[in-house]
């Protein structure tokens, strides 16, 4: 089983980085092979250019990193996405990843009805782990869960990934250190199981 961890936080002092370490520790205990795709360290350009758009409908790409990322996703049976929530949404680099990598004819086909038929059904499990400084009720009730609606339902599920778990950590900066440690221990056990 190959697990691809998609990580997009630019600061190693972040709670997201601590989550990454807890997840990898758990996967190592489970003896699962994994690969970390750190979009920031990799220097991924999330901007969709005119040249990118010219190739988009054909399912082709200009950026060679897109091909590399598609190969990594094709080898993955499980994906784990670790992302902060900034202004209600994941960082632009993660949105750009989906825009540029999840191409037509590769990630999905469009049916006559206009609905998407997902092609990434080989990915048997996805876990999305998010952190934010807002309360969960505010994010769900007032913002209407943009991450869930756009990335989980609108992208992953539409592209064929069916078994998706969302783990959300709200009010991260306001939490006591022992609570944050408890969350990390839970994530390590989750990755191990």
C-alpha atoms as a PDB file:
ATOM      1  CA  UNK A   1       0.000   0.000   0.000  1.00  0.00           C
ATOM      2  CA  UNK A   2       1.420   3.364  -0.993  1.00  0.00           C
ATOM      3  CA  UNK A   3       0.321   6.519   0.809  1.00  0.00           C
ATOM      4  CA  UNK A   4       0.842   9.974  -0.646  1.00  0.00           C
ATOM      5  CA  UNK A   5       0.912  12.825   1.866  1.00  0.00           C
ATOM      6  CA  UNK A   6       0.059  16.158   0.305  1.00  0.00           C
ATOM      7  CA  UNK A   7       1.453  18.948   2.473  1.00  0.00           C
ATOM      8  CA  UNK A   8       1.291  22.697   1.820  1.00  0.00           C
ATOM      9  CA  UNK A   9       2.364  24.740   4.852  1.00  0.00           C
ATOM     10  CA  UNK A  10       5.390  27.022   4.381  1.00  0.00           C
ATOM     11  CA  UNK A  11       6.581  27.122   8.023  1.00  0.00           C
ATOM     12  CA  UNK A  12       8.257  24.267   9.912  1.00  0.00           C
ATOM     13  CA  UNK A  13       7.246  25.845  13.226  1.00  0.00           C
ATOM     14  CA  UNK A  14       3.560  25.406  12.422  1.00  0.00           C
ATOM     15  CA  UNK A  15       1.094  22.990  13.993  1.00  0.00           C
ATOM     16  CA  UNK A  16       0.638  21.569  10.482  1.00  0.00           C
ATOM     17  CA  UNK A  17       4.286  20.499  10.543  1.00  0.00           C
ATOM     18  CA  UNK A  18       3.726  18.776  13.905  1.00  0.00           C
ATOM     19  CA  UNK A  19       0.732  16.998  12.319  1.00  0.00           C
ATOM     20  CA  UNK A  20       2.933  15.869   9.430  1.00  0.00           C
ATOM     21  CA  UNK A  21       5.427  14.376  11.894  1.00  0.00           C
ATOM     22  CA  UNK A  22       2.669  12.594  13.853  1.00  0.00           C
ATOM     23  CA  UNK A  23       1.187  11.129  10.670  1.00  0.00           C
ATOM     24  CA  UNK A  24       4.521   9.882   9.334  1.00  0.00           C
ATOM     25  CA  UNK A  25       5.358   8.370  12.725  1.00  0.00           C
ATOM     26  CA  UNK A  26       2.054   6.467  12.707  1.00  0.00           C
ATOM     27  CA  UNK A  27       2.552   5.269   9.118  1.00  0.00           C
ATOM     28  CA  UNK A  28       6.053   4.053   9.985  1.00  0.00           C
ATOM     29  CA  UNK A  29       4.630   2.063  12.908  1.00  0.00           C
ATOM     30  CA  UNK A  30       2.100   0.526  10.514  1.00  0.00           C
ATOM     31  CA  UNK A  31       4.997  -0.217   8.141  1.00  0.00           C
ATOM     32  CA  UNK A  32       3.293   1.525   5.241  1.00  0.00           C
ATOM     33  CA  UNK A  33       5.315   2.981   2.403  1.00  0.00           C
ATOM     34  CA  UNK A  34       4.638   6.685   2.021  1.00  0.00           C
ATOM     35  CA  UNK A  35       5.824   9.679   0.099  1.00  0.00           C
ATOM     36  CA  UNK A  36       5.540  13.336   1.109  1.00  0.00           C
ATOM     37  CA  UNK A  37       4.650  15.808  -1.590  1.00  0.00           C
ATOM     38  CA  UNK A  38       5.499  19.189  -0.048  1.00  0.00           C
ATOM     39  CA  UNK A  39       4.193  21.707  -2.563  1.00  0.00           C
ATOM     40  CA  UNK A  40       6.044  24.647  -1.010  1.00  0.00           C
ATOM     41  CA  UNK A  41       9.439  22.904  -0.798  1.00  0.00           C
ATOM     42  CA  UNK A  42       8.932  21.552  -4.297  1.00  0.00           C
ATOM     43  CA  UNK A  43       8.497  25.083  -5.631  1.00  0.00           C
ATOM     44  CA  UNK A  44       5.162  24.274  -7.274  1.00  0.00           C
ATOM     45  CA  UNK A  45       3.669  27.217  -9.175  1.00  0.00           C
ATOM     46  CA  UNK A  46      -0.111  27.132  -8.578  1.00  0.00           C
ATOM     47  CA  UNK A  47      -0.894  29.846 -11.124  1.00  0.00           C
ATOM     48  CA  UNK A  48      -2.835  28.653 -14.167  1.00  0.00           C
ATOM     49  CA  UNK A  49      -1.205  30.402 -17.126  1.00  0.00           C
ATOM     50  CA  UNK A  50      -2.520  31.032 -20.621  1.00  0.00           C
ATOM     51  CA  UNK A  51      -0.318  28.173 -21.859  1.00  0.00           C
ATOM     52  CA  UNK A  52      -1.775  25.861 -19.175  1.00  0.00           C
ATOM     53  CA  UNK A  53      -5.322  26.765 -20.180  1.00  0.00           C
ATOM     54  CA  UNK A  54      -4.567  26.187 -23.869  1.00  0.00           C
ATOM     55  CA  UNK A  55      -3.785  22.546 -23.031  1.00  0.00           C
ATOM     56  CA  UNK A  56      -6.356  22.045 -20.262  1.00  0.00           C
ATOM     57  CA  UNK A  57      -9.345  20.820 -22.301  1.00  0.00           C
ATOM     58  CA  UNK A  58      -7.166  18.213 -23.995  1.00  0.00           C
ATOM     59  CA  UNK A  59      -6.120  16.933 -20.558  1.00  0.00           C
ATOM     60  CA  UNK A  60      -2.557  17.952 -21.357  1.00  0.00           C
ATOM     61  CA  UNK A  61      -0.154  20.089 -19.353  1.00  0.00           C
ATOM     62  CA  UNK A  62       2.787  22.429 -19.797  1.00  0.00           C
ATOM     63  CA  UNK A  63       4.280  22.311 -16.287  1.00  0.00           C
ATOM     64  CA  UNK A  64       6.402  19.116 -15.999  1.00  0.00           C
ATOM     65  CA  UNK A  65       5.608  18.942 -12.269  1.00  0.00           C
ATOM     66  CA  UNK A  66       2.000  18.155 -13.197  1.00  0.00           C
ATOM     67  CA  UNK A  67       3.139  14.929 -14.868  1.00  0.00           C
ATOM     68  CA  UNK A  68       5.289  14.025 -11.848  1.00  0.00           C
ATOM     69  CA  UNK A  69       2.387  14.639  -9.464  1.00  0.00           C
ATOM     70  CA  UNK A  70      -0.010  12.609 -11.595  1.00  0.00           C
ATOM     71  CA  UNK A  71       2.430   9.671 -11.515  1.00  0.00           C
ATOM     72  CA  UNK A  72       2.652   9.907  -7.722  1.00  0.00           C
ATOM     73  CA  UNK A  73      -1.152   9.984  -7.443  1.00  0.00           C
ATOM     74  CA  UNK A  74      -1.449   6.955  -9.747  1.00  0.00           C
ATOM     75  CA  UNK A  75       0.818   4.962  -7.407  1.00  0.00           C
ATOM     76  CA  UNK A  76      -1.178   5.987  -4.321  1.00  0.00           C
ATOM     77  CA  UNK A  77      -3.869   3.830  -2.781  1.00  0.00           C
ATOM     78  CA  UNK A  78      -4.303   6.308   0.068  1.00  0.00           C
ATOM     79  CA  UNK A  79      -3.846  10.071   0.190  1.00  0.00           C
ATOM     80  CA  UNK A  80      -3.518  12.275   3.249  1.00  0.00           C
ATOM     81  CA  UNK A  81      -3.898  16.025   2.791  1.00  0.00           C
ATOM     82  CA  UNK A  82      -2.610  18.297   5.566  1.00  0.00           C
ATOM     83  CA  UNK A  83      -3.655  21.917   5.163  1.00  0.00           C
ATOM     84  CA  UNK A  84      -4.276  25.080   7.129  1.00  0.00           C
ATOM     85  CA  UNK A  85      -7.471  27.047   6.564  1.00  0.00           C
ATOM     86  CA  UNK A  86      -6.766  30.676   5.754  1.00  0.00           C
ATOM     87  CA  UNK A  87      -9.710  33.045   5.158  1.00  0.00           C
ATOM     88  CA  UNK A  88     -12.036  30.056   5.089  1.00  0.00           C
ATOM     89  CA  UNK A  89     -10.122  28.113   2.415  1.00  0.00           C
ATOM     90  CA  UNK A  90      -6.909  26.115   2.022  1.00  0.00           C
ATOM     91  CA  UNK A  91      -3.883  28.060   0.725  1.00  0.00           C
ATOM     92  CA  UNK A  92      -3.829  29.014  -2.959  1.00  0.00           C
ATOM     93  CA  UNK A  93      -0.998  26.547  -3.628  1.00  0.00           C
ATOM     94  CA  UNK A  94      -3.320  23.632  -2.774  1.00  0.00           C
ATOM     95  CA  UNK A  95      -6.166  25.012  -4.903  1.00  0.00           C
ATOM     96  CA  UNK A  96      -3.691  25.471  -7.756  1.00  0.00           C
ATOM     97  CA  UNK A  97      -2.554  21.863  -7.328  1.00  0.00           C
ATOM     98  CA  UNK A  98      -6.099  20.619  -7.962  1.00  0.00           C
ATOM     99  CA  UNK A  99      -6.626  23.113 -10.811  1.00  0.00           C
ATOM    100  CA  UNK A 100      -3.474  22.064 -12.661  1.00  0.00           C
ATOM    101  CA  UNK A 101      -3.138  18.359 -11.768  1.00  0.00           C
ATOM    102  CA  UNK A 102      -6.719  17.032 -11.736  1.00  0.00           C
ATOM    103  CA  UNK A 103      -7.109  17.343 -15.490  1.00  0.00           C
ATOM    104  CA  UNK A 104      -9.972  16.165 -17.704  1.00  0.00           C
ATOM    105  CA  UNK A 105      -9.464  12.690 -19.225  1.00  0.00           C
ATOM    106  CA  UNK A 106      -7.018  11.926 -16.415  1.00  0.00           C
ATOM    107  CA  UNK A 107      -8.966  12.659 -13.199  1.00  0.00           C
ATOM    108  CA  UNK A 108     -12.464  12.735 -14.680  1.00  0.00           C
ATOM    109  CA  UNK A 109     -14.650  12.666 -17.753  1.00  0.00           C
ATOM    110  CA  UNK A 110     -17.658  14.912 -18.225  1.00  0.00           C
ATOM    111  CA  UNK A 111     -20.906  13.042 -18.863  1.00  0.00           C
ATOM    112  CA  UNK A 112     -23.560  14.313 -21.288  1.00  0.00           C
ATOM    113  CA  UNK A 113     -25.487  15.534 -18.229  1.00  0.00           C
ATOM    114  CA  UNK A 114     -22.555  17.783 -17.295  1.00  0.00           C
ATOM    115  CA  UNK A 115     -21.778  15.738 -14.169  1.00  0.00           C
ATOM    116  CA  UNK A 116     -18.276  14.445 -13.615  1.00  0.00           C
ATOM    117  CA  UNK A 117     -17.387  10.765 -13.799  1.00  0.00           C
ATOM    118  CA  UNK A 118     -14.338  10.253 -11.592  1.00  0.00           C
ATOM    119  CA  UNK A 119     -11.354   8.220 -12.772  1.00  0.00           C
ATOM    120  CA  UNK A 120      -9.286   8.134  -9.559  1.00  0.00           C
ATOM    121  CA  UNK A 121     -11.133   5.140  -8.119  1.00  0.00           C
ATOM    122  CA  UNK A 122      -7.815   3.364  -7.383  1.00  0.00           C
ATOM    123  CA  UNK A 123      -7.435   5.742  -4.412  1.00  0.00           C
ATOM    124  CA  UNK A 124      -9.258   3.710  -1.773  1.00  0.00           C
ATOM    125  CA  UNK A 125      -8.978   6.161   1.120  1.00  0.00           C
ATOM    126  CA  UNK A 126      -8.414   9.880   1.606  1.00  0.00           C
ATOM    127  CA  UNK A 127      -7.957  11.797   4.826  1.00  0.00           C
ATOM    128  CA  UNK A 128      -8.104  15.584   4.873  1.00  0.00           C
ATOM    129  CA  UNK A 129      -6.619  17.136   8.021  1.00  0.00           C
ATOM    130  CA  UNK A 130      -7.222  20.850   8.452  1.00  0.00           C
ATOM    131  CA  UNK A 131      -6.303  23.426  11.063  1.00  0.00           C
ATOM    132  CA  UNK A 132      -7.895  26.805  11.631  1.00  0.00           C
ATOM    133  CA  UNK A 133      -8.136  29.538  14.209  1.00  0.00           C
ATOM    134  CA  UNK A 134     -11.927  29.823  13.929  1.00  0.00           C
ATOM    135  CA  UNK A 135     -14.465  27.843  15.951  1.00  0.00           C
ATOM    136  CA  UNK A 136     -15.858  24.838  14.068  1.00  0.00           C
ATOM    137  CA  UNK A 137     -19.484  25.987  14.423  1.00  0.00           C
ATOM    138  CA  UNK A 138     -18.596  29.322  12.770  1.00  0.00           C
ATOM    139  CA  UNK A 139     -16.836  27.566   9.886  1.00  0.00           C
ATOM    140  CA  UNK A 140     -19.711  25.122   9.335  1.00  0.00           C
ATOM    141  CA  UNK A 141     -22.680  27.392  10.008  1.00  0.00           C
ATOM    142  CA  UNK A 142     -21.647  30.827   8.776  1.00  0.00           C
ATOM    143  CA  UNK A 143     -19.046  29.966   6.134  1.00  0.00           C
ATOM    144  CA  UNK A 144     -20.901  26.781   5.036  1.00  0.00           C
ATOM    145  CA  UNK A 145     -17.785  24.527   5.210  1.00  0.00           C
ATOM    146  CA  UNK A 146     -15.981  25.668   2.032  1.00  0.00           C
ATOM    147  CA  UNK A 147     -13.267  22.996   2.393  1.00  0.00           C
ATOM    148  CA  UNK A 148     -15.860  20.228   2.615  1.00  0.00           C
ATOM    149  CA  UNK A 149     -17.981  21.551  -0.240  1.00  0.00           C
ATOM    150  CA  UNK A 150     -15.222  22.473  -2.680  1.00  0.00           C
ATOM    151  CA  UNK A 151     -12.302  20.133  -2.031  1.00  0.00           C
ATOM    152  CA  UNK A 152     -13.890  17.046  -0.470  1.00  0.00           C
ATOM    153  CA  UNK A 153     -17.197  16.887  -2.356  1.00  0.00           C
ATOM    154  CA  UNK A 154     -16.518  19.057  -5.403  1.00  0.00           C
ATOM    155  CA  UNK A 155     -13.062  17.729  -6.227  1.00  0.00           C
ATOM    156  CA  UNK A 156     -12.052  14.477  -4.512  1.00  0.00           C
ATOM    157  CA  UNK A 157     -15.458  12.764  -4.540  1.00  0.00           C
ATOM    158  CA  UNK A 158     -16.249  14.049  -8.042  1.00  0.00           C
ATOM    159  CA  UNK A 159     -12.969  12.569  -9.274  1.00  0.00           C
ATOM    160  CA  UNK A 160     -13.749   9.101  -7.922  1.00  0.00           C
ATOM    161  CA  UNK A 161     -12.325   9.064  -4.391  1.00  0.00           C
ATOM    162  CA  UNK A 162     -15.164   7.692  -2.246  1.00  0.00           C
ATOM    163  CA  UNK A 163     -13.830   6.891   1.234  1.00  0.00           C
ATOM    164  CA  UNK A 164     -12.961  10.360   2.581  1.00  0.00           C
ATOM    165  CA  UNK A 165     -12.512  11.356   6.211  1.00  0.00           C
ATOM    166  CA  UNK A 166     -12.183  14.996   7.281  1.00  0.00           C
ATOM    167  CA  UNK A 167     -10.401  15.700  10.560  1.00  0.00           C
ATOM    168  CA  UNK A 168     -10.671  19.350  11.556  1.00  0.00           C
ATOM    169  CA  UNK A 169      -8.809  21.098  14.360  1.00  0.00           C
ATOM    170  CA  UNK A 170     -10.491  24.428  15.184  1.00  0.00           C
ATOM    171  CA  UNK A 171      -9.238  27.264  17.425  1.00  0.00           C
ATOM    172  CA  UNK A 172      -5.686  25.899  17.187  1.00  0.00           C
ATOM    173  CA  UNK A 173      -3.900  28.972  18.563  1.00  0.00           C
ATOM    174  CA  UNK A 174      -6.271  29.208  21.538  1.00  0.00           C
ATOM    175  CA  UNK A 175      -5.875  25.555  22.594  1.00  0.00           C
ATOM    176  CA  UNK A 176      -3.786  24.550  25.568  1.00  0.00           C
ATOM    177  CA  UNK A 177      -0.574  22.704  24.757  1.00  0.00           C
ATOM    178  CA  UNK A 178      -1.871  19.489  26.380  1.00  0.00           C
ATOM    179  CA  UNK A 179      -4.912  19.534  24.052  1.00  0.00           C
ATOM    180  CA  UNK A 180      -2.707  20.036  21.020  1.00  0.00           C
ATOM    181  CA  UNK A 181      -0.478  17.166  22.166  1.00  0.00           C
ATOM    182  CA  UNK A 182      -3.540  14.955  22.668  1.00  0.00           C
ATOM    183  CA  UNK A 183      -4.641  15.716  19.101  1.00  0.00           C
ATOM    184  CA  UNK A 184      -1.192  14.764  17.766  1.00  0.00           C
ATOM    185  CA  UNK A 185      -1.260  11.476  19.694  1.00  0.00           C
ATOM    186  CA  UNK A 186      -4.705  10.700  18.251  1.00  0.00           C
ATOM    187  CA  UNK A 187      -3.454  11.404  14.729  1.00  0.00           C
ATOM    188  CA  UNK A 188      -0.446   9.154  15.214  1.00  0.00           C
ATOM    189  CA  UNK A 189      -2.736   6.331  16.369  1.00  0.00           C
ATOM    190  CA  UNK A 190      -5.094   7.041  13.449  1.00  0.00           C
ATOM    191  CA  UNK A 191      -2.237   6.751  10.938  1.00  0.00           C
ATOM    192  CA  UNK A 192      -1.023   3.601  12.663  1.00  0.00           C
ATOM    193  CA  UNK A 193      -4.420   1.844  12.502  1.00  0.00           C
END
